[in-house]
C-alpha atoms as a PDB file:
ATOM      1  CA  MET A   1     100.848 115.580 101.897  1.00  0.00           C
ATOM      2  CA  VAL A   2     101.341 112.281 103.455  1.00  0.00           C
ATOM      3  CA  PHE A   3      97.858 112.140 105.265  1.00  0.00           C
ATOM      4  CA  VAL A   4      95.947 112.554 101.623  1.00  0.00           C
ATOM      5  CA  ALA A   5      98.522 109.993  99.964  1.00  0.00           C
ATOM      6  CA  THR A   6      97.709 107.522 102.674  1.00  0.00           C
ATOM      7  CA  THR A   7      93.958 108.458 101.882  1.00  0.00           C
ATOM      8  CA  ALA A   8      93.868 108.210  98.875  1.00  0.00           C
ATOM      9  CA  LEU A   9      95.263 104.975  98.319  1.00  0.00           C
ATOM     10  CA  TRP A  10      92.893 103.565 101.616  1.00  0.00           C
ATOM     11  CA  ILE A  11      89.910 104.378  99.411  1.00  0.00           C
ATOM     12  CA  GLY A  12      91.322 103.351  96.137  1.00  0.00           C
ATOM     13  CA  SER A  13      92.329  99.822  97.501  1.00  0.00           C
ATOM     14  CA  ASP A  14      89.018  99.668  99.142  1.00  0.00           C
ATOM     15  CA  SER A  15      87.392 100.558  95.721  1.00  0.00           C
ATOM     16  CA  LEU A  16      89.424  98.419  94.035  1.00  0.00           C
ATOM     17  CA  VAL A  17      88.120  95.637  96.216  1.00  0.00           C
ATOM     18  CA  PHE A  18      85.268  96.250  95.878  1.00  0.00           C
ATOM     19  CA  GLY A  19      84.829  96.630  92.389  1.00  0.00           C
ATOM     20  CA  ALA A  20      87.017  92.822  91.722  1.00  0.00           C
ATOM     21  CA  LYS A  21      84.737  90.683  94.253  1.00  0.00           C
ATOM     22  CA  ASN A  22      81.277  92.478  92.300  1.00  0.00           C
ATOM     23  CA  LEU A  23      83.015  91.598  88.685  1.00  0.00           C
ATOM     24  CA  ALA A  24      83.403  88.253  90.108  1.00  0.00           C
ATOM     25  CA  ASN A  25      79.905  87.747  91.663  1.00  0.00           C
ATOM     26  CA  LEU A  26      78.538  89.366  87.958  1.00  0.00           C
ATOM     27  CA  VAL A  27      80.531  87.148  86.016  1.00  0.00           C
ATOM     28  CA  GLY A  28      80.314  84.021  88.215  1.00  0.00           C
ATOM     29  CA  VAL A  29      84.167  83.864  88.594  1.00  0.00           C
ATOM     30  CA  PRO A  30      85.616  82.499  91.735  1.00  0.00           C
ATOM     31  CA  GLU A  31      86.495  85.423  94.099  1.00  0.00           C
ATOM     32  CA  GLU A  32      90.210  83.380  95.008  1.00  0.00           C
ATOM     33  CA  LEU A  33      91.041  84.109  91.148  1.00  0.00           C
ATOM     34  CA  VAL A  34      89.772  87.955  91.533  1.00  0.00           C
ATOM     35  CA  GLY A  35      92.704  88.392  94.118  1.00  0.00           C
ATOM     36  CA  PHE A  36      94.864  86.069  92.424  1.00  0.00           C
ATOM     37  CA  THR A  37      94.822  88.324  89.557  1.00  0.00           C
ATOM     38  CA  LEU A  38      92.613  91.771  89.693  1.00  0.00           C
ATOM     39  CA  VAL A  39      94.067  92.780  93.074  1.00  0.00           C
ATOM     40  CA  ALA A  40      97.292  91.249  92.802  1.00  0.00           C
ATOM     41  CA  ILE A  41      98.186  93.279  89.887  1.00  0.00           C
ATOM     42  CA  GLY A  42      95.884  96.335  91.278  1.00  0.00           C
ATOM     43  CA  THR A  43      98.412  96.354  94.760  1.00  0.00           C
ATOM     44  CA  SER A  44     101.468  95.421  92.742  1.00  0.00           C
ATOM     45  CA  LEU A  45     101.403  98.215  91.039  1.00  0.00           C
ATOM     46  CA  PRO A  46     103.121 100.480  92.957  1.00  0.00           C
ATOM     47  CA  GLU A  47     105.861  98.053  92.918  1.00  0.00           C
ATOM     48  CA  LEU A  48     106.479  97.638  89.465  1.00  0.00           C
ATOM     49  CA  ALA A  49     106.177 101.519  88.595  1.00  0.00           C
ATOM     50  CA  ALA A  50     108.826 101.311  91.469  1.00  0.00           C
ATOM     51  CA  SER A  51     110.488  98.692  89.773  1.00  0.00           C
ATOM     52  CA  ILE A  52     110.677 100.544  86.231  1.00  0.00           C
ATOM     53  CA  SER A  53     112.473 103.404  88.053  1.00  0.00           C
ATOM     54  CA  LEU A  54     114.974 101.478  89.329  1.00  0.00           C
ATOM     55  CA  THR A  55     115.881  99.707  86.559  1.00  0.00           C
ATOM     56  CA  ARG A  56     116.075 102.680  84.169  1.00  0.00           C
ATOM     57  CA  LYS A  57     118.532 104.056  86.773  1.00  0.00           C
ATOM     58  CA  LYS A  58     120.124 100.665  86.943  1.00  0.00           C
ATOM     59  CA  GLU A  59     120.052 100.189  90.740  1.00  0.00           C
ATOM     60  CA  PHE A  60     119.461  96.884  90.121  1.00  0.00           C
ATOM     61  CA  GLY A  61     120.342  95.679  94.299  1.00  0.00           C
ATOM     62  CA  MET A  62     117.659  97.833  94.729  1.00  0.00           C
ATOM     63  CA  LEU A  63     115.450  96.103  92.364  1.00  0.00           C
ATOM     64  CA  LEU A  64     115.944  92.861  93.757  1.00  0.00           C
ATOM     65  CA  GLY A  65     115.454  93.883  97.170  1.00  0.00           C
ATOM     66  CA  ASN A  66     112.347  95.681  95.882  1.00  0.00           C
ATOM     67  CA  ILE A  67     111.169  92.446  94.713  1.00  0.00           C
ATOM     68  CA  VAL A  68     112.237  90.083  97.601  1.00  0.00           C
ATOM     69  CA  GLY A  69     110.995  92.606 100.354  1.00  0.00           C
ATOM     70  CA  SER A  70     107.148  93.538  98.689  1.00  0.00           C
ATOM     71  CA  ASN A  71     106.827  89.324  97.875  1.00  0.00           C
ATOM     72  CA  MET A  72     108.141  88.721 101.926  1.00  0.00           C
ATOM     73  CA  PHE A  73     106.211  91.675 103.339  1.00  0.00           C
ATOM     74  CA  ASN A  74     103.279  90.924 101.833  1.00  0.00           C
ATOM     75  CA  ILE A  75     103.459  87.150 103.056  1.00  0.00           C
ATOM     76  CA  GLY A  76     104.878  87.628 105.779  1.00  0.00           C
ATOM     77  CA  LEU A  77     103.252  90.809 107.501  1.00  0.00           C
ATOM     78  CA  VAL A  78     100.076  90.861 105.394  1.00  0.00           C
ATOM     79  CA  GLY A  79      98.801  87.455 105.560  1.00  0.00           C
ATOM     80  CA  GLY A  80     100.117  87.255 109.338  1.00  0.00           C
ATOM     81  CA  VAL A  81      97.997  90.231 110.241  1.00  0.00           C
ATOM     82  CA  ALA A  82      94.881  88.948 108.619  1.00  0.00           C
ATOM     83  CA  GLY A  83      95.311  85.289 110.329  1.00  0.00           C
ATOM     84  CA  VAL A  84      95.263  87.135 113.676  1.00  0.00           C
ATOM     85  CA  LEU A  85      92.624  89.208 112.706  1.00  0.00           C
ATOM     86  CA  SER A  86      90.430  86.663 111.511  1.00  0.00           C
ATOM     87  CA  PRO A  87      90.790  83.078 110.147  1.00  0.00           C
ATOM     88  CA  ILE A  88      91.697  82.494 106.700  1.00  0.00           C
ATOM     89  CA  THR A  89      89.380  80.522 105.066  1.00  0.00           C
ATOM     90  CA  VAL A  90      90.200  78.603 101.543  1.00  0.00           C
ATOM     91  CA  SER A  91      86.888  78.014  99.795  1.00  0.00           C
ATOM     92  CA  THR A  92      87.751  77.051  96.008  1.00  0.00           C
ATOM     93  CA  ALA A  93      87.904  73.144  95.435  1.00  0.00           C
ATOM     94  CA  TYR A  94      91.867  72.409  94.324  1.00  0.00           C
ATOM     95  CA  PRO A  95      93.506  75.222  96.650  1.00  0.00           C
ATOM     96  CA  TRP A  96      96.567  73.319  96.299  1.00  0.00           C
ATOM     97  CA  ILE A  97      96.651  74.780  92.488  1.00  0.00           C
ATOM     98  CA  ASP A  98      97.484  78.013  93.998  1.00  0.00           C
ATOM     99  CA  TYR A  99     100.192  76.718  96.427  1.00  0.00           C
ATOM    100  CA  ILE A 100     102.342  74.744  93.759  1.00  0.00           C
ATOM    101  CA  SER A 101     102.654  77.790  91.224  1.00  0.00           C
ATOM    102  CA  LEU A 102     103.333  80.253  94.069  1.00  0.00           C
ATOM    103  CA  LEU A 103     106.559  77.451  95.073  1.00  0.00           C
ATOM    104  CA  LEU A 104     107.220  77.009  91.601  1.00  0.00           C
ATOM    105  CA  LEU A 105     107.545  80.248  90.063  1.00  0.00           C
ATOM    106  CA  THR A 106     109.324  81.271  93.507  1.00  0.00           C
ATOM    107  CA  GLY A 107     111.685  78.241  93.332  1.00  0.00           C
ATOM    108  CA  VAL A 108     112.231  79.273  89.706  1.00  0.00           C
ATOM    109  CA  LEU A 109     112.704  83.038  90.311  1.00  0.00           C
ATOM    110  CA  ALA A 110     115.765  81.941  92.858  1.00  0.00           C
ATOM    111  CA  ILE A 111     117.248  78.717  90.787  1.00  0.00           C
ATOM    112  CA  TRP A 112     117.530  81.754  88.069  1.00  0.00           C
ATOM    113  CA  LEU A 113     118.781  84.416  90.351  1.00  0.00           C
ATOM    114  CA  LYS A 114     121.655  82.308  91.055  1.00  0.00           C
ATOM    115  CA  GLY A 115     123.529  83.586  87.393  1.00  0.00           C
ATOM    116  CA  LYS A 116     123.143  86.673  88.957  1.00  0.00           C
ATOM    117  CA  TYR A 117     121.585  87.661  85.819  1.00  0.00           C
ATOM    118  CA  LEU A 118     117.917  87.840  84.433  1.00  0.00           C
ATOM    119  CA  GLN A 119     117.541  88.114  80.716  1.00  0.00           C
ATOM    120  CA  LYS A 120     114.154  88.949  78.530  1.00  0.00           C
ATOM    121  CA  SER A 121     113.719  85.123  78.254  1.00  0.00           C
ATOM    122  CA  HIS A 122     113.164  84.989  82.245  1.00  0.00           C
ATOM    123  CA  GLY A 123     110.870  87.754  82.698  1.00  0.00           C
ATOM    124  CA  VAL A 124     108.555  86.374  79.882  1.00  0.00           C
ATOM    125  CA  THR A 125     108.707  82.241  80.970  1.00  0.00           C
ATOM    126  CA  LEU A 126     107.921  83.708  84.423  1.00  0.00           C
ATOM    127  CA  LEU A 127     104.575  85.920  82.497  1.00  0.00           C
ATOM    128  CA  ILE A 128     103.666  82.613  80.833  1.00  0.00           C
ATOM    129  CA  LEU A 129     104.030  80.498  83.664  1.00  0.00           C
ATOM    130  CA  TYR A 130     101.791  82.877  86.013  1.00  0.00           C
ATOM    131  CA  ILE A 131      99.169  83.185  82.813  1.00  0.00           C
ATOM    132  CA  SER A 132      99.442  79.566  82.847  1.00  0.00           C
ATOM    133  CA  ALA A 133      98.650  79.233  86.552  1.00  0.00           C
ATOM    134  CA  SER A 134      95.422  81.372  86.635  1.00  0.00           C
ATOM    135  CA  THR A 135      94.021  79.476  83.912  1.00  0.00           C
ATOM    136  CA  VAL A 136      94.437  76.796  85.425  1.00  0.00           C
ATOM    137  CA  THR A 137      93.257  77.792  88.581  1.00  0.00           C
ATOM    138  CA  TRP A 138      90.018  79.559  86.913  1.00  0.00           C
ATOM    139  CA  ILE A 139      88.904  76.178  84.848  1.00  0.00           C
ATOM    140  CA  TYR A 140      89.481  73.730  87.668  1.00  0.00           C
ATOM    141  CA  ASN A 141      87.950  76.221  90.897  1.00  0.00           C
ATOM    142  CA  SER A 142      85.206  77.595  87.892  1.00  0.00           C
END
């Protein structure tokens, strides 16, 4: 069962990246924006499903661990291995927009977590900030 699931995940992720890249080229959207949105959303859906399940079970410690751990894993291990295997180049004119938005969103979340309670308004604000960062990235790098 694990082998079948791993194979299906591999095929699905390859299909997602291939389709997203071709869609970006067809529409004329920068590949970085596609990675910033479509691929990121597609690869984050398992974490989203786990987060929803943990929220329903009121397992908030596990939820926070899932969110923080997933981000640390993606940035540290996945980014590190990708950088070791091949240099990562950025072809957009303004890559600093993505860097600033990453730091801003992480900082805002960290500050809000000091209160030990996130409200729906915090979630809405984070979504608006994400959509704003994606829009600014698209506008400036198109």
